[in-house]
Amino acid sequence: MVEGMVEEQVEERNTVILGSGPAGYTAALYAARANLRPLLLKGLEAGGQLMLTTDVENYPGFPDGILGPEMMDAFEKQAARFETDIVAQSVTRVDLSERPFGVWAGDLEWRAKTLILATGASARWLGVPGEEKLRGRGVSACATCDGFFFRDRELVVVGGGDTAMEEATFLTKFASAVTLVHRRDEFRASKIMQERVHANPKVKVVWDTVVEEVLGEGAVTGVRLRNVKSDEATEFATDGVFVAIGHDPNTDLVKGQVDLTDAGYVIVREPTTATSVPGVFAAGDVTDVTYRQAVTAAGQGCKAAIDAERYLEEQAHANGG
C-alpha cells in the first residue's frame, strides 16, 4: 500500500477509483483480483459515512455487529492485500475530455484508462451545538442503520420532506414515540407519505419549530427547540435525534462532465454502472438516492469493477490487442 505517492512523470493506470467507502474498497478488491492494479484515492472523508456509525449490525457476516471504522479498516486491508495502491489524498480535479482521463490530487497527477466514481453522498446536518459531538451517540442521519438501537425510546426526527416521513414511519417500529420537528407549517413531502405519518398514532408533529441545540454529554438527553413564529424556546426530552433534511452527492468534480440528476447524483445505465462517458463508472451513494446502505454500495462497487474490466477488454480487442 502506498500512502502519498510522488511521481515525476505522469503514471498511467488501468483503473483509478475515487472514494474509500464500501463501494470504493469493493471496487478496488475486485479490480485488483482482476490484475488491473487499481489506484484508490481515499478522499477527505476516508471510509465514507460508516466512519460516523458506531455499531453496524445489518452487514452480513458479522453476527455480533462491528464498529463502522473497524469495518472500513478491514475493507482497506483486504483491498491492499491484493495490491491496490491506496493514496491518502483527495482528488482536486478530473478531466474526462481527454483519454486516458486526467486525475489530479494537488501536485500529483495520473492518467486513467477507466475511472470509478465512488465519492459518496454527505448527509446534511443542522449545524447546531451538540450535534457533531453526539453523532453516533444518539444523533444519526440513518434510521435504517440505527433505529434498532432505540427500542421503546422516545425520538425526534427533523425535516419535512419524504425522507423525514420515511424515517419517522420506520422508527415507529422500534420507538415508543416519534416527534417530527418541522420549521414550516406544512410538509413538502408527497401526499401519501404525509398521510402515513398523520395516520400513525406514535407520531406527533411540532410545526414552525427548529432545533437550536442537541443536549447531552455522553448521549443525547434532549433538544432545545425554538418556535420561529413566537420565538419561544423550550427544552424537549428525547433519547435520539434523527436528522432527515437530505443528502448532497459528492459530484462537484464531475459536474458538467457526466450526466447528473437535478439533485446532482450520477446517472448510470442500469443494470450496469456505466455513466454517460464511456470508461467512467459510478457506484454507491454517489448514484443511489433510494437505498444508501453499505451492503448495496459494496454490491455496486463489485459491479463497477467488473464493468471496468469488461470495458478494458473490449477496448483492447477493438484495438487489436
C-alpha atoms as a PDB file:
ATOM      1  CA  MET A   1       0.000   0.000   0.000  1.00  0.00           C
ATOM      2  CA  VAL A   2       1.271   3.446  -0.863  1.00  0.00           C
ATOM      3  CA  GLU A   3       0.366   6.387   1.398  1.00  0.00           C
ATOM      4  CA  GLY A   4       1.270   9.516  -0.560  1.00  0.00           C
ATOM      5  CA  MET A   5       2.990   8.789  -3.868  1.00  0.00           C
ATOM      6  CA  VAL A   6       5.273  11.307  -5.522  1.00  0.00           C
ATOM      7  CA  GLU A   7       5.811  10.722  -9.245  1.00  0.00           C
ATOM      8  CA  GLU A   8       7.784  12.973 -11.540  1.00  0.00           C
ATOM      9  CA  GLN A   9       6.346  11.545 -14.717  1.00  0.00           C
ATOM     10  CA  VAL A  10       2.646  11.051 -15.217  1.00  0.00           C
ATOM     11  CA  GLU A  11       1.705   7.476 -14.433  1.00  0.00           C
ATOM     12  CA  GLU A  12      -0.982   5.691 -16.438  1.00  0.00           C
ATOM     13  CA  ARG A  13      -3.304   3.303 -14.623  1.00  0.00           C
ATOM     14  CA  ASN A  14      -5.881   0.824 -15.865  1.00  0.00           C
ATOM     15  CA  THR A  15      -8.358   1.837 -13.191  1.00  0.00           C
ATOM     16  CA  VAL A  16      -8.472   4.779 -10.797  1.00  0.00           C
ATOM     17  CA  ILE A  17     -11.082   4.690  -8.026  1.00  0.00           C
ATOM     18  CA  LEU A  18     -12.236   7.858  -6.281  1.00  0.00           C
ATOM     19  CA  GLY A  19     -13.545   7.268  -2.764  1.00  0.00           C
ATOM     20  CA  SER A  20     -12.963   4.876   0.117  1.00  0.00           C
ATOM     21  CA  GLY A  21     -16.348   3.780   1.401  1.00  0.00           C
ATOM     22  CA  PRO A  22     -17.796   0.294   0.877  1.00  0.00           C
ATOM     23  CA  ALA A  23     -18.268   0.979  -2.871  1.00  0.00           C
ATOM     24  CA  GLY A  24     -14.726   2.214  -3.454  1.00  0.00           C
ATOM     25  CA  TYR A  25     -12.979  -0.511  -1.481  1.00  0.00           C
ATOM     26  CA  THR A  26     -15.090  -3.291  -3.002  1.00  0.00           C
ATOM     27  CA  ALA A  27     -14.373  -1.942  -6.482  1.00  0.00           C
ATOM     28  CA  ALA A  28     -10.665  -1.935  -5.582  1.00  0.00           C
ATOM     29  CA  LEU A  29     -10.814  -5.505  -4.308  1.00  0.00           C
ATOM     30  CA  TYR A  30     -12.444  -6.823  -7.488  1.00  0.00           C
ATOM     31  CA  ALA A  31     -10.266  -4.732  -9.808  1.00  0.00           C
ATOM     32  CA  ALA A  32      -7.115  -5.865  -8.012  1.00  0.00           C
ATOM     33  CA  ARG A  33      -8.118  -9.515  -8.222  1.00  0.00           C
ATOM     34  CA  ALA A  34      -8.611  -8.998 -11.966  1.00  0.00           C
ATOM     35  CA  ASN A  35      -4.958  -7.868 -12.158  1.00  0.00           C
ATOM     36  CA  LEU A  36      -5.887  -4.301 -13.048  1.00  0.00           C
ATOM     37  CA  ARG A  37      -3.518  -2.891 -10.365  1.00  0.00           C
ATOM     38  CA  PRO A  38      -6.027  -0.209  -9.354  1.00  0.00           C
ATOM     39  CA  LEU A  39      -5.193   3.084  -7.703  1.00  0.00           C
ATOM     40  CA  LEU A  40      -7.603   4.239  -4.996  1.00  0.00           C
ATOM     41  CA  LEU A  41      -7.650   7.842  -3.811  1.00  0.00           C
ATOM     42  CA  LYS A  42      -9.162   7.884  -0.334  1.00  0.00           C
ATOM     43  CA  GLY A  43     -10.525  11.427  -0.305  1.00  0.00           C
ATOM     44  CA  LEU A  44     -11.279  13.724   2.601  1.00  0.00           C
ATOM     45  CA  GLU A  45     -13.948  11.551   4.242  1.00  0.00           C
ATOM     46  CA  ALA A  46     -11.871   8.360   4.232  1.00  0.00           C
ATOM     47  CA  GLY A  47     -14.082   5.378   4.955  1.00  0.00           C
ATOM     48  CA  GLY A  48     -17.257   7.165   3.910  1.00  0.00           C
ATOM     49  CA  GLN A  49     -20.318   7.582   6.114  1.00  0.00           C
ATOM     50  CA  LEU A  50     -19.648   4.358   8.012  1.00  0.00           C
ATOM     51  CA  MET A  51     -16.957   6.298   9.864  1.00  0.00           C
ATOM     52  CA  LEU A  52     -19.830   8.165  11.564  1.00  0.00           C
ATOM     53  CA  THR A  53     -21.571   4.940  12.588  1.00  0.00           C
ATOM     54  CA  THR A  54     -20.815   3.179  15.835  1.00  0.00           C
ATOM     55  CA  ASP A  55     -22.341  -0.301  15.634  1.00  0.00           C
ATOM     56  CA  VAL A  56     -23.080  -1.844  12.235  1.00  0.00           C
ATOM     57  CA  GLU A  57     -25.447  -4.763  12.792  1.00  0.00           C
ATOM     58  CA  ASN A  58     -27.018  -5.154   9.347  1.00  0.00           C
ATOM     59  CA  TYR A  59     -23.965  -6.139   7.278  1.00  0.00           C
ATOM     60  CA  PRO A  60     -23.920  -9.899   6.563  1.00  0.00           C
ATOM     61  CA  GLY A  61     -21.145 -11.920   8.132  1.00  0.00           C
ATOM     62  CA  PHE A  62     -20.892 -10.041  11.432  1.00  0.00           C
ATOM     63  CA  PRO A  63     -23.320 -11.799  13.800  1.00  0.00           C
ATOM     64  CA  ASP A  64     -22.147  -9.729  16.778  1.00  0.00           C
ATOM     65  CA  GLY A  65     -22.023  -6.469  14.824  1.00  0.00           C
ATOM     66  CA  ILE A  66     -18.920  -4.395  14.127  1.00  0.00           C
ATOM     67  CA  LEU A  67     -17.920  -0.780  14.612  1.00  0.00           C
ATOM     68  CA  GLY A  68     -18.144   1.273  11.410  1.00  0.00           C
ATOM     69  CA  PRO A  69     -14.485   2.438  11.486  1.00  0.00           C
ATOM     70  CA  GLU A  70     -13.331  -1.146  12.219  1.00  0.00           C
ATOM     71  CA  MET A  71     -15.277  -2.421   9.232  1.00  0.00           C
ATOM     72  CA  MET A  72     -13.745   0.180   6.916  1.00  0.00           C
ATOM     73  CA  ASP A  73     -10.269  -0.633   8.220  1.00  0.00           C
ATOM     74  CA  ALA A  74     -10.910  -4.293   7.327  1.00  0.00           C
ATOM     75  CA  PHE A  75     -12.176  -3.267   3.862  1.00  0.00           C
ATOM     76  CA  GLU A  76      -8.970  -1.288   3.295  1.00  0.00           C
ATOM     77  CA  LYS A  77      -6.683  -4.101   4.428  1.00  0.00           C
ATOM     78  CA  GLN A  78      -8.428  -6.579   2.141  1.00  0.00           C
ATOM     79  CA  ALA A  79      -8.128  -4.247  -0.874  1.00  0.00           C
ATOM     80  CA  ALA A  80      -4.449  -3.593  -0.080  1.00  0.00           C
ATOM     81  CA  ARG A  81      -3.720  -7.318   0.231  1.00  0.00           C
ATOM     82  CA  PHE A  82      -4.388  -7.749  -3.490  1.00  0.00           C
ATOM     83  CA  GLU A  83      -2.068  -4.909  -4.488  1.00  0.00           C
ATOM     84  CA  THR A  84      -4.374  -1.936  -4.633  1.00  0.00           C
ATOM     85  CA  ASP A  85      -2.309   1.243  -4.421  1.00  0.00           C
ATOM     86  CA  ILE A  86      -4.077   3.338  -1.796  1.00  0.00           C
ATOM     87  CA  VAL A  87      -3.214   7.016  -1.634  1.00  0.00           C
ATOM     88  CA  ALA A  88      -4.349   9.215   1.239  1.00  0.00           C
ATOM     89  CA  GLN A  89      -5.145  12.190  -0.964  1.00  0.00           C
ATOM     90  CA  SER A  90      -8.261  13.995  -2.113  1.00  0.00           C
ATOM     91  CA  VAL A  91      -8.808  14.451  -5.823  1.00  0.00           C
ATOM     92  CA  THR A  92      -8.815  18.123  -6.761  1.00  0.00           C
ATOM     93  CA  ARG A  93      -9.617  17.813 -10.465  1.00  0.00           C
ATOM     94  CA  VAL A  94     -10.570  15.302 -13.146  1.00  0.00           C
ATOM     95  CA  ASP A  95     -10.600  15.834 -16.905  1.00  0.00           C
ATOM     96  CA  LEU A  96     -12.840  13.424 -18.789  1.00  0.00           C
ATOM     97  CA  SER A  97     -12.397  15.178 -22.144  1.00  0.00           C
ATOM     98  CA  GLU A  98      -9.037  13.533 -22.795  1.00  0.00           C
ATOM     99  CA  ARG A  99      -8.062   9.875 -22.959  1.00  0.00           C
ATOM    100  CA  PRO A 100      -6.710   8.425 -20.834  1.00  0.00           C
ATOM    101  CA  PHE A 101      -8.631  10.562 -18.306  1.00  0.00           C
ATOM    102  CA  GLY A 102      -6.683  13.074 -16.252  1.00  0.00           C
ATOM    103  CA  VAL A 103      -6.796  12.817 -12.453  1.00  0.00           C
ATOM    104  CA  TRP A 104      -5.121  15.290 -10.110  1.00  0.00           C
ATOM    105  CA  ALA A 105      -4.641  15.382  -6.340  1.00  0.00           C
ATOM    106  CA  GLY A 106      -2.864  18.631  -5.633  1.00  0.00           C
ATOM    107  CA  ASP A 107       0.547  18.368  -7.356  1.00  0.00           C
ATOM    108  CA  LEU A 108       0.100  14.656  -8.066  1.00  0.00           C
ATOM    109  CA  GLU A 109      -1.207  13.582 -11.461  1.00  0.00           C
ATOM    110  CA  TRP A 110      -2.306  10.317 -13.049  1.00  0.00           C
ATOM    111  CA  ARG A 111      -3.857   9.091 -16.292  1.00  0.00           C
ATOM    112  CA  ALA A 112      -6.699   6.585 -16.055  1.00  0.00           C
ATOM    113  CA  LYS A 113      -7.991   4.256 -18.768  1.00  0.00           C
ATOM    114  CA  THR A 114     -11.108   3.764 -16.632  1.00  0.00           C
ATOM    115  CA  LEU A 115     -12.451   5.748 -13.710  1.00  0.00           C
ATOM    116  CA  ILE A 116     -14.778   4.578 -10.935  1.00  0.00           C
ATOM    117  CA  LEU A 117     -16.649   7.307  -9.084  1.00  0.00           C
ATOM    118  CA  ALA A 118     -17.364   6.178  -5.515  1.00  0.00           C
ATOM    119  CA  THR A 119     -17.255   9.577  -3.835  1.00  0.00           C
ATOM    120  CA  GLY A 120     -20.460   9.026  -1.869  1.00  0.00           C
ATOM    121  CA  ALA A 121     -23.017  11.458  -0.578  1.00  0.00           C
ATOM    122  CA  SER A 122     -22.866  13.522   2.574  1.00  0.00           C
ATOM    123  CA  ALA A 123     -25.817  13.841   4.923  1.00  0.00           C
ATOM    124  CA  ARG A 124     -26.900  17.402   5.511  1.00  0.00           C
ATOM    125  CA  TRP A 125     -26.585  18.294   9.170  1.00  0.00           C
ATOM    126  CA  LEU A 126     -28.276  21.005  11.195  1.00  0.00           C
ATOM    127  CA  GLY A 127     -25.013  22.639  12.246  1.00  0.00           C
ATOM    128  CA  VAL A 128     -26.217  23.314  15.798  1.00  0.00           C
ATOM    129  CA  PRO A 129     -24.292  22.983  19.085  1.00  0.00           C
ATOM    130  CA  GLY A 130     -24.063  19.423  20.425  1.00  0.00           C
ATOM    131  CA  GLU A 131     -24.907  17.766  17.107  1.00  0.00           C
ATOM    132  CA  GLU A 132     -21.401  16.843  15.972  1.00  0.00           C
ATOM    133  CA  LYS A 133     -20.264  15.850  19.472  1.00  0.00           C
ATOM    134  CA  LEU A 134     -23.168  13.414  19.823  1.00  0.00           C
ATOM    135  CA  ARG A 135     -23.114  11.842  16.348  1.00  0.00           C
ATOM    136  CA  GLY A 136     -23.229   8.086  16.889  1.00  0.00           C
ATOM    137  CA  ARG A 137     -24.325   8.718  20.485  1.00  0.00           C
ATOM    138  CA  GLY A 138     -27.955   9.413  19.739  1.00  0.00           C
ATOM    139  CA  VAL A 139     -27.598  11.725  16.734  1.00  0.00           C
ATOM    140  CA  SER A 140     -27.987   9.930  13.393  1.00  0.00           C
ATOM    141  CA  ALA A 141     -28.888  10.572   9.774  1.00  0.00           C
ATOM    142  CA  CYS A 142     -29.947   6.986   9.025  1.00  0.00           C
ATOM    143  CA  ALA A 143     -32.980   5.358  10.639  1.00  0.00           C
ATOM    144  CA  THR A 144     -32.407   2.092   8.751  1.00  0.00           C
ATOM    145  CA  CYS A 145     -28.883   1.911  10.181  1.00  0.00           C
ATOM    146  CA  ASP A 146     -29.568   2.940  13.759  1.00  0.00           C
ATOM    147  CA  GLY A 147     -33.298   2.667  14.517  1.00  0.00           C
ATOM    148  CA  PHE A 148     -32.947  -0.786  16.080  1.00  0.00           C
ATOM    149  CA  PHE A 149     -30.883   0.647  18.940  1.00  0.00           C
ATOM    150  CA  PHE A 150     -33.796   2.811  20.106  1.00  0.00           C
ATOM    151  CA  ARG A 151     -36.348   0.192  21.054  1.00  0.00           C
ATOM    152  CA  ASP A 152     -39.009   1.635  23.393  1.00  0.00           C
ATOM    153  CA  ARG A 153     -37.310   5.062  23.368  1.00  0.00           C
ATOM    154  CA  GLU A 154     -38.703   8.483  22.525  1.00  0.00           C
ATOM    155  CA  LEU A 155     -37.165  10.030  19.417  1.00  0.00           C
ATOM    156  CA  VAL A 156     -37.097  13.263  17.446  1.00  0.00           C
ATOM    157  CA  VAL A 157     -36.947  13.418  13.639  1.00  0.00           C
ATOM    158  CA  VAL A 158     -36.066  16.739  11.998  1.00  0.00           C
ATOM    159  CA  GLY A 159     -37.303  17.508   8.469  1.00  0.00           C
ATOM    160  CA  GLY A 160     -40.375  17.893   6.304  1.00  0.00           C
ATOM    161  CA  GLY A 161     -39.706  16.015   3.072  1.00  0.00           C
ATOM    162  CA  ASP A 162     -40.226  12.408   2.007  1.00  0.00           C
ATOM    163  CA  THR A 163     -37.027  11.316   3.754  1.00  0.00           C
ATOM    164  CA  ALA A 164     -38.262  12.682   7.079  1.00  0.00           C
ATOM    165  CA  MET A 165     -41.627  10.939   6.636  1.00  0.00           C
ATOM    166  CA  GLU A 166     -39.908   7.646   5.802  1.00  0.00           C
ATOM    167  CA  GLU A 167     -37.541   7.923   8.759  1.00  0.00           C
ATOM    168  CA  ALA A 168     -40.335   8.796  11.195  1.00  0.00           C
ATOM    169  CA  THR A 169     -42.566   5.970   9.967  1.00  0.00           C
ATOM    170  CA  PHE A 170     -39.716   3.448  10.058  1.00  0.00           C
ATOM    171  CA  LEU A 171     -38.695   4.468  13.584  1.00  0.00           C
ATOM    172  CA  THR A 172     -42.183   3.758  14.951  1.00  0.00           C
ATOM    173  CA  LYS A 173     -41.338   0.058  14.544  1.00  0.00           C
ATOM    174  CA  PHE A 174     -38.946   0.465  17.473  1.00  0.00           C
ATOM    175  CA  ALA A 175     -39.588   3.720  19.309  1.00  0.00           C
ATOM    176  CA  SER A 176     -42.383   4.286  21.809  1.00  0.00           C
ATOM    177  CA  ALA A 177     -42.977   7.769  20.357  1.00  0.00           C
ATOM    178  CA  VAL A 178     -41.609   9.863  17.482  1.00  0.00           C
ATOM    179  CA  THR A 179     -41.836  13.646  17.349  1.00  0.00           C
ATOM    180  CA  LEU A 180     -41.424  15.235  13.918  1.00  0.00           C
ATOM    181  CA  VAL A 181     -39.988  18.736  14.157  1.00  0.00           C
ATOM    182  CA  HIS A 182     -40.520  20.914  11.086  1.00  0.00           C
ATOM    183  CA  ARG A 183     -39.647  24.575  10.571  1.00  0.00           C
ATOM    184  CA  ARG A 184     -42.718  25.312   8.437  1.00  0.00           C
ATOM    185  CA  ASP A 185     -46.467  24.879   8.939  1.00  0.00           C
ATOM    186  CA  GLU A 186     -46.811  22.231   6.231  1.00  0.00           C
ATOM    187  CA  PHE A 187     -44.712  19.362   4.876  1.00  0.00           C
ATOM    188  CA  ARG A 188     -43.011  19.301   1.480  1.00  0.00           C
ATOM    189  CA  ALA A 189     -43.431  15.517   1.360  1.00  0.00           C
ATOM    190  CA  SER A 190     -45.678  13.657  -1.067  1.00  0.00           C
ATOM    191  CA  LYS A 191     -49.316  13.317  -0.016  1.00  0.00           C
ATOM    192  CA  ILE A 192     -49.136   9.560   0.520  1.00  0.00           C
ATOM    193  CA  MET A 193     -46.115   9.905   2.815  1.00  0.00           C
ATOM    194  CA  GLN A 194     -47.847  12.649   4.795  1.00  0.00           C
ATOM    195  CA  GLU A 195     -50.970  10.531   5.180  1.00  0.00           C
ATOM    196  CA  ARG A 196     -48.934   7.637   6.588  1.00  0.00           C
ATOM    197  CA  VAL A 197     -47.366   9.913   9.176  1.00  0.00           C
ATOM    198  CA  HIS A 198     -50.637  11.552  10.219  1.00  0.00           C
ATOM    199  CA  ALA A 199     -52.327   8.142  10.483  1.00  0.00           C
ATOM    200  CA  ASN A 200     -49.616   6.737  12.751  1.00  0.00           C
ATOM    201  CA  PRO A 201     -50.598   7.085  16.426  1.00  0.00           C
ATOM    202  CA  LYS A 202     -46.956   7.020  17.531  1.00  0.00           C
ATOM    203  CA  VAL A 203     -46.051  10.174  15.548  1.00  0.00           C
ATOM    204  CA  LYS A 204     -46.797  13.700  16.631  1.00  0.00           C
ATOM    205  CA  VAL A 205     -45.755  16.834  14.742  1.00  0.00           C
ATOM    206  CA  VAL A 206     -44.303  20.064  16.112  1.00  0.00           C
ATOM    207  CA  TRP A 207     -44.803  22.770  13.461  1.00  0.00           C
ATOM    208  CA  ASP A 208     -42.976  26.075  12.877  1.00  0.00           C
ATOM    209  CA  THR A 209     -40.079  24.921  15.021  1.00  0.00           C
ATOM    210  CA  VAL A 210     -36.322  24.490  14.672  1.00  0.00           C
ATOM    211  CA  VAL A 211     -33.777  22.600  16.747  1.00  0.00           C
ATOM    212  CA  GLU A 212     -31.271  25.071  18.203  1.00  0.00           C
ATOM    213  CA  GLU A 213     -29.160  22.677  20.243  1.00  0.00           C
ATOM    214  CA  VAL A 214     -28.766  18.965  20.937  1.00  0.00           C
ATOM    215  CA  LEU A 215     -28.444  18.357  24.671  1.00  0.00           C
ATOM    216  CA  GLY A 216     -26.459  15.689  26.496  1.00  0.00           C
ATOM    217  CA  GLU A 217     -22.910  14.761  27.421  1.00  0.00           C
ATOM    218  CA  GLY A 218     -22.138  11.097  26.643  1.00  0.00           C
ATOM    219  CA  ALA A 219     -25.533  10.556  24.999  1.00  0.00           C
ATOM    220  CA  VAL A 220     -28.495  12.587  23.767  1.00  0.00           C
ATOM    221  CA  THR A 221     -30.871  13.623  26.559  1.00  0.00           C
ATOM    222  CA  GLY A 222     -32.911  16.263  24.745  1.00  0.00           C
ATOM    223  CA  VAL A 223     -33.092  19.148  22.296  1.00  0.00           C
ATOM    224  CA  ARG A 224     -33.598  22.877  22.664  1.00  0.00           C
ATOM    225  CA  LEU A 225     -36.409  23.976  20.355  1.00  0.00           C
ATOM    226  CA  ARG A 226     -37.441  27.420  19.165  1.00  0.00           C
ATOM    227  CA  ASN A 227     -40.780  28.348  17.605  1.00  0.00           C
ATOM    228  CA  VAL A 228     -39.966  30.501  14.567  1.00  0.00           C
ATOM    229  CA  LYS A 229     -43.245  32.464  14.858  1.00  0.00           C
ATOM    230  CA  SER A 230     -43.461  33.138  18.589  1.00  0.00           C
ATOM    231  CA  ASP A 231     -39.675  32.958  19.250  1.00  0.00           C
ATOM    232  CA  GLU A 232     -40.469  30.852  22.315  1.00  0.00           C
ATOM    233  CA  ALA A 233     -37.677  28.474  23.364  1.00  0.00           C
ATOM    234  CA  THR A 234     -38.337  25.149  25.093  1.00  0.00           C
ATOM    235  CA  GLU A 235     -36.366  22.077  26.103  1.00  0.00           C
ATOM    236  CA  PHE A 236     -37.706  18.743  24.895  1.00  0.00           C
ATOM    237  CA  ALA A 237     -36.533  15.425  26.350  1.00  0.00           C
ATOM    238  CA  THR A 238     -35.557  12.748  23.829  1.00  0.00           C
ATOM    239  CA  ASP A 239     -33.235   9.752  23.559  1.00  0.00           C
ATOM    240  CA  GLY A 240     -32.263  10.290  19.937  1.00  0.00           C
ATOM    241  CA  VAL A 241     -32.278  12.846  17.124  1.00  0.00           C
ATOM    242  CA  PHE A 242     -32.582  11.705  13.511  1.00  0.00           C
ATOM    243  CA  VAL A 243     -31.671  14.449  11.048  1.00  0.00           C
ATOM    244  CA  ALA A 244     -33.575  13.938   7.784  1.00  0.00           C
ATOM    245  CA  ILE A 245     -33.025  17.100   5.774  1.00  0.00           C
ATOM    246  CA  GLY A 246     -31.445  15.407   2.780  1.00  0.00           C
ATOM    247  CA  HIS A 247     -28.114  14.310   1.325  1.00  0.00           C
ATOM    248  CA  ASP A 248     -25.723  16.019  -1.060  1.00  0.00           C
ATOM    249  CA  PRO A 249     -23.898  13.773  -3.556  1.00  0.00           C
ATOM    250  CA  ASN A 250     -20.182  14.497  -3.798  1.00  0.00           C
ATOM    251  CA  THR A 251     -20.164  15.163  -7.539  1.00  0.00           C
ATOM    252  CA  ASP A 252     -18.609  18.631  -7.854  1.00  0.00           C
ATOM    253  CA  LEU A 253     -15.538  17.085  -9.535  1.00  0.00           C
ATOM    254  CA  VAL A 254     -17.556  15.759 -12.474  1.00  0.00           C
ATOM    255  CA  LYS A 255     -20.278  18.401 -12.759  1.00  0.00           C
ATOM    256  CA  GLY A 256     -20.604  19.320 -16.433  1.00  0.00           C
ATOM    257  CA  GLN A 257     -18.606  16.243 -17.474  1.00  0.00           C
ATOM    258  CA  VAL A 258     -21.018  13.358 -16.803  1.00  0.00           C
ATOM    259  CA  ASP A 259     -24.814  13.370 -16.786  1.00  0.00           C
ATOM    260  CA  LEU A 260     -26.281  14.093 -13.350  1.00  0.00           C
ATOM    261  CA  THR A 261     -29.814  14.184 -11.996  1.00  0.00           C
ATOM    262  CA  ASP A 262     -31.319  17.518 -10.973  1.00  0.00           C
ATOM    263  CA  ALA A 263     -30.255  16.677  -7.413  1.00  0.00           C
ATOM    264  CA  GLY A 264     -26.669  16.084  -8.568  1.00  0.00           C
ATOM    265  CA  TYR A 265     -26.481  12.273  -8.431  1.00  0.00           C
ATOM    266  CA  VAL A 266     -24.571  10.452 -11.189  1.00  0.00           C
ATOM    267  CA  ILE A 267     -26.910   8.818 -13.715  1.00  0.00           C
ATOM    268  CA  VAL A 268     -25.960   5.225 -14.527  1.00  0.00           C
ATOM    269  CA  ARG A 269     -27.276   2.962 -17.273  1.00  0.00           C
ATOM    270  CA  GLU A 270     -28.984   0.240 -15.277  1.00  0.00           C
ATOM    271  CA  PRO A 271     -28.353  -2.603 -14.761  1.00  0.00           C
ATOM    272  CA  THR A 272     -24.715  -1.560 -15.304  1.00  0.00           C
ATOM    273  CA  THR A 273     -22.747   1.154 -13.516  1.00  0.00           C
ATOM    274  CA  ALA A 274     -21.816   2.896 -16.782  1.00  0.00           C
ATOM    275  CA  THR A 275     -22.200   6.676 -16.871  1.00  0.00           C
ATOM    276  CA  SER A 276     -22.746   8.923 -19.885  1.00  0.00           C
ATOM    277  CA  VAL A 277     -18.971   8.872 -20.524  1.00  0.00           C
ATOM    278  CA  PRO A 278     -17.600   5.551 -21.829  1.00  0.00           C
ATOM    279  CA  GLY A 279     -14.987   4.225 -19.422  1.00  0.00           C
ATOM    280  CA  VAL A 280     -16.389   6.102 -16.412  1.00  0.00           C
ATOM    281  CA  PHE A 281     -18.435   4.113 -13.892  1.00  0.00           C
ATOM    282  CA  ALA A 282     -20.217   5.069 -10.674  1.00  0.00           C
ATOM    283  CA  ALA A 283     -21.077   3.103  -7.537  1.00  0.00           C
ATOM    284  CA  GLY A 284     -22.508   3.656  -4.076  1.00  0.00           C
ATOM    285  CA  ASP A 285     -24.259   6.674  -2.619  1.00  0.00           C
ATOM    286  CA  VAL A 286     -22.995   8.978  -5.376  1.00  0.00           C
ATOM    287  CA  THR A 287     -25.590   7.360  -7.636  1.00  0.00           C
ATOM    288  CA  ASP A 288     -28.046   5.858  -5.128  1.00  0.00           C
ATOM    289  CA  VAL A 289     -30.877   8.014  -3.781  1.00  0.00           C
ATOM    290  CA  THR A 290     -33.023   5.041  -2.756  1.00  0.00           C
ATOM    291  CA  TYR A 291     -31.162   2.534  -0.577  1.00  0.00           C
ATOM    292  CA  ARG A 292     -27.994   4.196   0.783  1.00  0.00           C
ATOM    293  CA  GLN A 293     -26.806   1.059   2.582  1.00  0.00           C
ATOM    294  CA  ALA A 294     -23.277  -0.257   2.998  1.00  0.00           C
ATOM    295  CA  VAL A 295     -24.205  -3.637   1.539  1.00  0.00           C
ATOM    296  CA  THR A 296     -25.810  -2.168  -1.594  1.00  0.00           C
ATOM    297  CA  ALA A 297     -22.861   0.205  -2.056  1.00  0.00           C
ATOM    298  CA  ALA A 298     -20.452  -2.749  -1.845  1.00  0.00           C
ATOM    299  CA  GLY A 299     -22.510  -4.628  -4.444  1.00  0.00           C
ATOM    300  CA  GLN A 300     -22.378  -1.654  -6.785  1.00  0.00           C
ATOM    301  CA  GLY A 301     -18.619  -1.399  -6.254  1.00  0.00           C
ATOM    302  CA  CYS A 302     -18.298  -5.009  -7.379  1.00  0.00           C
ATOM    303  CA  LYS A 303     -20.397  -4.276 -10.486  1.00  0.00           C
ATOM    304  CA  ALA A 304     -18.314  -1.183 -11.315  1.00  0.00           C
ATOM    305  CA  ALA A 305     -15.039  -3.115 -11.196  1.00  0.00           C
ATOM    306  CA  ILE A 306     -16.452  -5.886 -13.425  1.00  0.00           C
ATOM    307  CA  ASP A 307     -17.852  -3.255 -15.815  1.00  0.00           C
ATOM    308  CA  ALA A 308     -14.448  -1.530 -15.941  1.00  0.00           C
ATOM    309  CA  GLU A 309     -12.651  -4.832 -16.588  1.00  0.00           C
ATOM    310  CA  ARG A 310     -15.042  -5.682 -19.445  1.00  0.00           C
ATOM    311  CA  TYR A 311     -14.667  -2.208 -20.915  1.00  0.00           C
ATOM    312  CA  LEU A 312     -10.869  -2.536 -20.933  1.00  0.00           C
ATOM    313  CA  GLU A 313     -11.117  -5.956 -22.584  1.00  0.00           C
ATOM    314  CA  GLU A 314     -13.447  -4.556 -25.261  1.00  0.00           C
ATOM    315  CA  GLN A 315     -11.087  -1.646 -25.916  1.00  0.00           C
ATOM    316  CA  ALA A 316      -8.090  -3.973 -26.189  1.00  0.00           C
ATOM    317  CA  HIS A 317      -9.991  -6.221 -28.601  1.00  0.00           C
ATOM    318  CA  ALA A 318     -11.139  -3.239 -30.688  1.00  0.00           C
ATOM    319  CA  ASN A 319      -7.539  -2.026 -30.896  1.00  0.00           C
ATOM    320  CA  GLY A 320      -6.307  -5.447 -31.952  1.00  0.00           C
ATOM    321  CA  GLY A 321      -4.866  -6.254 -28.532  1.00  0.00           C
END
